[in-house]
Amino acid sequence: MHKCSVQSASHLILPLNGECGLKTNTKFAPYLYFVKLLNMITRIVKMSFFPEHVEEFKKLFDEYKSDIASSEGCLSLRLLQQKNTSVFFTYSEWIAESYLEQYRASDLFALVWSKTKILFNDRPEAWTNEQLFKHEVVI
């Protein structure tokens, strides 16, 4: 059985011991080999809340963030807040759009979305994006 794992939004970690059938001699990654995921997508959702509901939303997100991030195919999940406003963005990266759609059809999504949307003061906006370039420093 191969022991390959997701490392980041655009790469897999593959051991160099041949378990995944790949080897490299690079001096920068003596134990890992990175393979780009070709269908990786990024989902950005903009949500605007009534100011009096901001803390409630933050608590709600905190309650479910681990479950969302653990959804099959989810590589990363971030919550961003526009400075000095009640506007938030979720930024999530997925192995492929099919995994995002699977999450959006899940009971978890239905539960979280039903609790979130009643706090909005404007219609949410969402974008599904293909990654064309990413610079990432791995330390």
N, C-alpha and C. Protein backbone atom coordinates (compact mmCIF):
# COMPACT_ATOMS: atom_id res chain seq x y z
N MET A 1 0.84 -1.19 0.00
CA MET A 1 0.00 0.00 0.00
C MET A 1 0.88 1.25 0.00
N HIS A 2 0.56 2.22 -0.85
CA HIS A 2 1.35 3.43 -0.95
C HIS A 2 1.00 4.41 0.16
N LYS A 3 2.02 5.06 0.69
CA LYS A 3 1.80 6.07 1.73
C LYS A 3 2.15 7.43 1.14
N CYS A 4 1.21 8.00 0.41
CA CYS A 4 1.37 9.30 -0.21
C CYS A 4 0.37 10.22 0.47
N SER A 5 0.73 11.46 0.72
CA SER A 5 -0.21 12.34 1.41
C SER A 5 -0.20 13.73 0.80
N VAL A 6 -1.31 14.45 1.02
CA VAL A 6 -1.42 15.82 0.53
C VAL A 6 -0.59 16.72 1.42
N GLN A 7 0.24 17.57 0.83
CA GLN A 7 1.10 18.47 1.57
C GLN A 7 0.58 19.88 1.55
N SER A 8 0.13 20.33 0.44
CA SER A 8 -0.34 21.70 0.32
C SER A 8 -1.34 21.76 -0.82
N ALA A 9 -1.73 22.97 -1.16
CA ALA A 9 -2.76 23.15 -2.17
C ALA A 9 -2.35 22.66 -3.54
N SER A 10 -1.07 22.53 -3.80
CA SER A 10 -0.68 22.17 -5.16
C SER A 10 0.30 21.01 -5.24
N HIS A 11 0.54 20.32 -4.14
CA HIS A 11 1.53 19.25 -4.17
C HIS A 11 1.12 18.07 -3.30
N LEU A 12 1.67 16.93 -3.64
CA LEU A 12 1.55 15.74 -2.81
C LEU A 12 2.92 15.45 -2.21
N ILE A 13 2.94 14.91 -1.02
CA ILE A 13 4.19 14.42 -0.46
C ILE A 13 4.31 12.95 -0.81
N LEU A 14 5.41 12.60 -1.41
CA LEU A 14 5.66 11.22 -1.78
C LEU A 14 7.01 10.81 -1.20
N PRO A 15 7.07 9.75 -0.41
CA PRO A 15 8.36 9.32 0.13
C PRO A 15 9.28 8.83 -0.97
N LEU A 16 10.56 9.05 -0.78
CA LEU A 16 11.54 8.67 -1.80
C LEU A 16 11.98 7.22 -1.70
N ASN A 17 11.40 6.48 -0.80
CA ASN A 17 11.80 5.08 -0.64
C ASN A 17 11.17 4.18 -1.69
N GLY A 18 10.50 4.76 -2.65
CA GLY A 18 9.91 3.98 -3.73
C GLY A 18 8.49 3.52 -3.48
N GLU A 19 7.93 3.80 -2.29
CA GLU A 19 6.57 3.36 -1.98
C GLU A 19 5.56 3.89 -2.99
N CYS A 20 5.79 5.07 -3.52
CA CYS A 20 4.87 5.64 -4.50
C CYS A 20 5.40 5.49 -5.92
N GLY A 21 6.51 4.82 -6.06
CA GLY A 21 7.04 4.56 -7.39
C GLY A 21 7.83 5.71 -7.97
N LEU A 22 8.16 6.74 -7.17
CA LEU A 22 8.91 7.89 -7.67
C LEU A 22 10.18 8.08 -6.85
N LYS A 23 11.25 8.52 -7.53
CA LYS A 23 12.50 8.79 -6.83
C LYS A 23 13.06 10.10 -7.39
N THR A 24 13.86 10.76 -6.57
CA THR A 24 14.51 11.99 -7.02
C THR A 24 15.86 12.08 -6.34
N ASN A 25 16.76 12.88 -6.91
CA ASN A 25 18.06 13.06 -6.30
C ASN A 25 18.29 14.51 -5.90
N THR A 26 17.23 15.30 -5.81
CA THR A 26 17.38 16.71 -5.48
C THR A 26 17.92 16.90 -4.07
N LYS A 27 18.90 17.79 -3.91
CA LYS A 27 19.47 18.04 -2.59
C LYS A 27 18.53 18.86 -1.71
N PHE A 28 17.49 19.49 -2.29
CA PHE A 28 16.58 20.33 -1.53
C PHE A 28 15.44 19.55 -0.88
N ALA A 29 15.17 18.38 -1.37
CA ALA A 29 14.08 17.59 -0.80
C ALA A 29 14.52 16.13 -0.69
N PRO A 30 15.45 15.83 0.23
CA PRO A 30 15.99 14.47 0.28
C PRO A 30 14.97 13.42 0.70
N TYR A 31 13.87 13.81 1.32
CA TYR A 31 12.89 12.83 1.79
C TYR A 31 11.54 12.94 1.09
N LEU A 32 11.34 14.00 0.34
CA LEU A 32 10.03 14.22 -0.26
C LEU A 32 10.15 14.49 -1.75
N TYR A 33 9.11 14.13 -2.46
CA TYR A 33 9.03 14.47 -3.87
C TYR A 33 7.68 15.14 -4.08
N PHE A 34 7.65 16.28 -4.72
CA PHE A 34 6.42 17.03 -4.89
C PHE A 34 5.85 16.84 -6.29
N VAL A 35 4.56 16.55 -6.35
CA VAL A 35 3.87 16.36 -7.62
C VAL A 35 2.70 17.33 -7.68
N LYS A 36 2.63 18.11 -8.72
CA LYS A 36 1.55 19.09 -8.86
C LYS A 36 0.21 18.40 -9.10
N LEU A 37 -0.81 18.88 -8.40
CA LEU A 37 -2.17 18.40 -8.64
C LEU A 37 -2.76 19.23 -9.77
N LEU A 38 -3.12 18.62 -10.86
CA LEU A 38 -3.50 19.36 -12.05
C LEU A 38 -4.89 19.98 -11.99
N ASN A 39 -5.82 19.39 -11.24
CA ASN A 39 -7.20 19.88 -11.22
C ASN A 39 -7.54 20.67 -9.97
N MET A 40 -6.56 21.06 -9.18
CA MET A 40 -6.78 21.75 -7.93
C MET A 40 -7.54 23.05 -8.17
N ILE A 41 -8.51 23.34 -7.30
CA ILE A 41 -9.28 24.57 -7.43
C ILE A 41 -9.31 25.31 -6.09
N THR A 42 -9.56 26.60 -6.18
CA THR A 42 -9.70 27.45 -5.01
C THR A 42 -11.09 28.04 -5.02
N ARG A 43 -11.76 27.96 -3.89
CA ARG A 43 -13.11 28.51 -3.74
C ARG A 43 -13.02 29.70 -2.80
N ILE A 44 -13.52 30.84 -3.25
CA ILE A 44 -13.56 32.06 -2.44
C ILE A 44 -15.02 32.45 -2.29
N VAL A 45 -15.45 32.63 -1.05
CA VAL A 45 -16.82 33.04 -0.77
C VAL A 45 -16.77 34.32 0.05
N LYS A 46 -17.45 35.35 -0.45
CA LYS A 46 -17.54 36.65 0.24
C LYS A 46 -18.88 36.70 0.97
N MET A 47 -18.80 37.02 2.26
CA MET A 47 -20.01 37.09 3.08
C MET A 47 -20.00 38.39 3.87
N SER A 48 -21.12 39.10 3.87
CA SER A 48 -21.25 40.34 4.62
C SER A 48 -22.31 40.14 5.70
N PHE A 49 -21.97 40.51 6.92
CA PHE A 49 -22.84 40.26 8.06
C PHE A 49 -23.32 41.56 8.70
N PHE A 50 -24.47 41.47 9.35
CA PHE A 50 -24.87 42.57 10.19
C PHE A 50 -23.81 42.70 11.29
N PRO A 51 -23.34 43.92 11.58
CA PRO A 51 -22.27 44.07 12.57
C PRO A 51 -22.56 43.38 13.91
N GLU A 52 -23.82 43.38 14.31
CA GLU A 52 -24.16 42.75 15.59
C GLU A 52 -24.08 41.22 15.54
N HIS A 53 -23.89 40.64 14.33
CA HIS A 53 -23.79 39.19 14.20
C HIS A 53 -22.36 38.70 13.93
N VAL A 54 -21.41 39.60 13.89
CA VAL A 54 -20.03 39.22 13.56
C VAL A 54 -19.48 38.21 14.58
N GLU A 55 -19.63 38.48 15.85
CA GLU A 55 -19.10 37.56 16.87
C GLU A 55 -19.79 36.20 16.81
N GLU A 56 -21.08 36.21 16.54
CA GLU A 56 -21.82 34.96 16.41
C GLU A 56 -21.28 34.14 15.23
N PHE A 57 -21.00 34.82 14.11
CA PHE A 57 -20.44 34.11 12.96
C PHE A 57 -19.06 33.54 13.30
N LYS A 58 -18.22 34.32 13.97
CA LYS A 58 -16.88 33.85 14.31
C LYS A 58 -16.96 32.59 15.19
N LYS A 59 -17.88 32.58 16.13
CA LYS A 59 -18.05 31.40 16.99
C LYS A 59 -18.55 30.21 16.18
N LEU A 60 -19.47 30.46 15.27
CA LEU A 60 -20.00 29.41 14.40
C LEU A 60 -18.88 28.81 13.54
N PHE A 61 -18.08 29.68 12.93
CA PHE A 61 -16.98 29.20 12.11
C PHE A 61 -16.00 28.39 12.95
N ASP A 62 -15.68 28.89 14.13
CA ASP A 62 -14.76 28.20 15.02
C ASP A 62 -15.28 26.81 15.38
N GLU A 63 -16.57 26.70 15.57
CA GLU A 63 -17.19 25.42 15.93
C GLU A 63 -17.07 24.37 14.82
N TYR A 64 -17.16 24.81 13.56
CA TYR A 64 -17.21 23.86 12.44
C TYR A 64 -15.97 23.84 11.56
N LYS A 65 -15.00 24.68 11.81
CA LYS A 65 -13.85 24.79 10.90
C LYS A 65 -13.08 23.47 10.75
N SER A 66 -12.92 22.74 11.83
CA SER A 66 -12.18 21.47 11.75
C SER A 66 -12.95 20.44 10.92
N ASP A 67 -14.26 20.41 11.09
CA ASP A 67 -15.07 19.47 10.31
C ASP A 67 -15.02 19.82 8.82
N ILE A 68 -15.11 21.10 8.52
CA ILE A 68 -15.06 21.53 7.12
C ILE A 68 -13.69 21.20 6.52
N ALA A 69 -12.62 21.58 7.24
CA ALA A 69 -11.26 21.35 6.75
C ALA A 69 -10.95 19.85 6.60
N SER A 70 -11.66 19.01 7.35
CA SER A 70 -11.45 17.56 7.28
C SER A 70 -12.28 16.90 6.18
N SER A 71 -13.07 17.67 5.47
CA SER A 71 -13.87 17.10 4.39
C SER A 71 -12.95 16.50 3.34
N GLU A 72 -13.38 15.38 2.78
CA GLU A 72 -12.56 14.71 1.78
C GLU A 72 -12.23 15.66 0.63
N GLY A 73 -10.95 15.75 0.31
CA GLY A 73 -10.52 16.58 -0.80
C GLY A 73 -10.18 18.01 -0.44
N CYS A 74 -10.47 18.43 0.80
CA CYS A 74 -10.15 19.80 1.21
C CYS A 74 -8.68 19.84 1.61
N LEU A 75 -7.92 20.71 0.94
CA LEU A 75 -6.49 20.84 1.21
C LEU A 75 -6.18 21.93 2.21
N SER A 76 -6.98 22.99 2.20
CA SER A 76 -6.77 24.07 3.16
C SER A 76 -8.04 24.89 3.28
N LEU A 77 -8.16 25.55 4.41
CA LEU A 77 -9.31 26.40 4.68
C LEU A 77 -8.83 27.61 5.46
N ARG A 78 -9.22 28.79 5.00
CA ARG A 78 -8.87 30.04 5.68
C ARG A 78 -10.12 30.89 5.84
N LEU A 79 -10.13 31.67 6.90
CA LEU A 79 -11.16 32.70 7.09
C LEU A 79 -10.45 34.03 7.14
N LEU A 80 -10.88 34.95 6.29
CA LEU A 80 -10.29 36.28 6.23
C LEU A 80 -11.37 37.31 6.54
N GLN A 81 -10.97 38.41 7.17
CA GLN A 81 -11.90 39.50 7.43
C GLN A 81 -11.33 40.77 6.82
N GLN A 82 -12.16 41.46 6.03
CA GLN A 82 -11.74 42.74 5.48
C GLN A 82 -11.55 43.69 6.66
N LYS A 83 -10.45 44.41 6.68
CA LYS A 83 -10.14 45.29 7.82
C LYS A 83 -11.26 46.28 8.10
N ASN A 84 -11.60 46.37 9.38
CA ASN A 84 -12.56 47.36 9.88
C ASN A 84 -13.95 47.26 9.26
N THR A 85 -14.35 46.04 8.88
CA THR A 85 -15.68 45.85 8.30
C THR A 85 -16.28 44.56 8.86
N SER A 86 -17.51 44.30 8.45
CA SER A 86 -18.15 43.02 8.80
C SER A 86 -18.22 42.12 7.57
N VAL A 87 -17.23 42.25 6.69
CA VAL A 87 -17.12 41.44 5.47
C VAL A 87 -16.04 40.38 5.68
N PHE A 88 -16.41 39.13 5.40
CA PHE A 88 -15.51 37.99 5.56
C PHE A 88 -15.40 37.24 4.25
N PHE A 89 -14.30 36.52 4.12
CA PHE A 89 -14.07 35.65 2.98
C PHE A 89 -13.62 34.29 3.50
N THR A 90 -14.20 33.23 2.95
CA THR A 90 -13.60 31.92 3.15
C THR A 90 -12.79 31.63 1.90
N TYR A 91 -11.64 31.04 2.12
CA TYR A 91 -10.71 30.72 1.05
C TYR A 91 -10.35 29.25 1.25
N SER A 92 -10.83 28.40 0.37
CA SER A 92 -10.56 26.98 0.53
C SER A 92 -9.97 26.41 -0.75
N GLU A 93 -9.08 25.45 -0.58
CA GLU A 93 -8.44 24.81 -1.71
C GLU A 93 -8.82 23.34 -1.70
N TRP A 94 -9.14 22.82 -2.89
CA TRP A 94 -9.67 21.47 -3.05
C TRP A 94 -8.87 20.73 -4.11
N ILE A 95 -8.72 19.42 -3.91
CA ILE A 95 -7.99 18.59 -4.87
C ILE A 95 -8.60 18.72 -6.26
N ALA A 96 -9.93 18.74 -6.33
CA ALA A 96 -10.65 18.88 -7.60
C ALA A 96 -12.04 19.43 -7.30
N GLU A 97 -12.67 20.00 -8.30
CA GLU A 97 -14.00 20.58 -8.12
C GLU A 97 -15.02 19.54 -7.65
N SER A 98 -14.84 18.30 -8.03
CA SER A 98 -15.78 17.25 -7.61
C SER A 98 -15.80 17.11 -6.09
N TYR A 99 -14.67 17.32 -5.42
CA TYR A 99 -14.64 17.25 -3.96
C TYR A 99 -15.38 18.43 -3.34
N LEU A 100 -15.23 19.61 -3.93
CA LEU A 100 -15.98 20.77 -3.45
C LEU A 100 -17.48 20.51 -3.59
N GLU A 101 -17.89 19.99 -4.73
CA GLU A 101 -19.31 19.72 -4.96
C GLU A 101 -19.84 18.65 -4.00
N GLN A 102 -19.00 17.68 -3.71
CA GLN A 102 -19.38 16.65 -2.73
C GLN A 102 -19.60 17.29 -1.36
N TYR A 103 -18.72 18.20 -0.95
CA TYR A 103 -18.89 18.91 0.32
C TYR A 103 -20.16 19.75 0.28
N ARG A 104 -20.40 20.46 -0.82
CA ARG A 104 -21.58 21.33 -0.91
C ARG A 104 -22.89 20.54 -0.88
N ALA A 105 -22.84 19.26 -1.20
CA ALA A 105 -24.03 18.39 -1.15
C ALA A 105 -24.15 17.66 0.20
N SER A 106 -23.22 17.92 1.11
CA SER A 106 -23.17 17.18 2.37
C SER A 106 -24.13 17.75 3.42
N ASP A 107 -24.44 16.92 4.41
CA ASP A 107 -25.24 17.36 5.55
C ASP A 107 -24.51 18.44 6.34
N LEU A 108 -23.18 18.34 6.41
CA LEU A 108 -22.38 19.34 7.13
C LEU A 108 -22.57 20.72 6.50
N PHE A 109 -22.44 20.80 5.18
CA PHE A 109 -22.62 22.09 4.50
C PHE A 109 -24.03 22.63 4.74
N ALA A 110 -25.03 21.79 4.60
CA ALA A 110 -26.43 22.22 4.80
C ALA A 110 -26.62 22.79 6.20
N LEU A 111 -26.05 22.13 7.20
CA LEU A 111 -26.18 22.59 8.57
C LEU A 111 -25.49 23.93 8.78
N VAL A 112 -24.23 24.02 8.37
CA VAL A 112 -23.45 25.25 8.59
C VAL A 112 -24.05 26.41 7.78
N TRP A 113 -24.42 26.15 6.54
CA TRP A 113 -24.96 27.22 5.69
C TRP A 113 -26.29 27.74 6.23
N SER A 114 -27.13 26.86 6.74
CA SER A 114 -28.43 27.29 7.28
C SER A 114 -28.25 28.19 8.50
N LYS A 115 -27.22 27.94 9.28
CA LYS A 115 -26.95 28.77 10.46
C LYS A 115 -26.24 30.07 10.09
N THR A 116 -25.51 30.05 8.98
CA THR A 116 -24.73 31.23 8.56
C THR A 116 -25.58 32.23 7.80
N LYS A 117 -26.38 31.77 6.87
CA LYS A 117 -27.07 32.68 5.95
C LYS A 117 -28.08 33.60 6.66
N ILE A 118 -28.57 33.22 7.81
CA ILE A 118 -29.52 34.09 8.52
C ILE A 118 -28.82 35.29 9.16
N LEU A 119 -27.49 35.29 9.15
CA LEU A 119 -26.71 36.38 9.73
C LEU A 119 -26.29 37.42 8.69
N PHE A 120 -26.52 37.14 7.40
CA PHE A 120 -26.08 38.02 6.32
C PHE A 120 -26.86 39.33 6.27
N ASN A 121 -26.18 40.39 5.85
CA ASN A 121 -26.87 41.64 5.55
C ASN A 121 -26.83 41.94 4.05
N ASP A 122 -26.29 41.01 3.27
CA ASP A 122 -26.21 41.15 1.81
C ASP A 122 -26.06 39.74 1.22
N ARG A 123 -26.33 39.63 -0.06
CA ARG A 123 -26.18 38.33 -0.72
C ARG A 123 -24.70 37.93 -0.75
N PRO A 124 -24.40 36.67 -0.46
CA PRO A 124 -23.00 36.23 -0.57
C PRO A 124 -22.60 36.11 -2.04
N GLU A 125 -21.33 36.18 -2.29
CA GLU A 125 -20.78 35.97 -3.63
C GLU A 125 -19.75 34.86 -3.53
N ALA A 126 -19.66 34.05 -4.58
CA ALA A 126 -18.70 32.94 -4.56
C ALA A 126 -18.05 32.78 -5.92
N TRP A 127 -16.79 32.40 -5.88
CA TRP A 127 -16.02 32.17 -7.10
C TRP A 127 -15.26 30.86 -6.96
N THR A 128 -15.30 30.04 -8.00
CA THR A 128 -14.48 28.83 -8.07
C THR A 128 -13.41 29.10 -9.11
N ASN A 129 -12.15 28.97 -8.69
CA ASN A 129 -11.01 29.39 -9.51
C ASN A 129 -10.03 28.26 -9.75
N GLU A 130 -9.46 28.26 -10.95
CA GLU A 130 -8.35 27.36 -11.25
C GLU A 130 -7.07 28.08 -10.91
N GLN A 131 -6.15 27.37 -10.32
CA GLN A 131 -4.87 27.98 -9.97
C GLN A 131 -3.95 27.99 -11.18
N LEU A 132 -3.44 29.16 -11.54
CA LEU A 132 -2.52 29.27 -12.67
C LEU A 132 -1.07 29.40 -12.21
N PHE A 133 -0.88 29.99 -11.02
CA PHE A 133 0.46 30.17 -10.49
C PHE A 133 0.39 30.30 -8.99
N LYS A 134 1.38 29.76 -8.31
CA LYS A 134 1.48 29.91 -6.86
C LYS A 134 2.94 29.91 -6.48
N HIS A 135 3.34 30.91 -5.74
CA HIS A 135 4.68 30.93 -5.16
C HIS A 135 4.51 30.59 -3.70
N GLU A 136 5.22 29.60 -3.23
CA GLU A 136 5.09 29.18 -1.85
C GLU A 136 6.47 28.87 -1.31
N VAL A 137 6.76 29.42 -0.16
CA VAL A 137 8.02 29.12 0.51
C VAL A 137 7.75 28.04 1.54
N VAL A 138 8.43 26.94 1.42
CA VAL A 138 8.32 25.83 2.37
C VAL A 138 9.59 25.80 3.19
N ILE A 139 9.43 25.93 4.48
CA ILE A 139 10.62 25.96 5.36
C ILE A 139 10.70 24.67 6.15
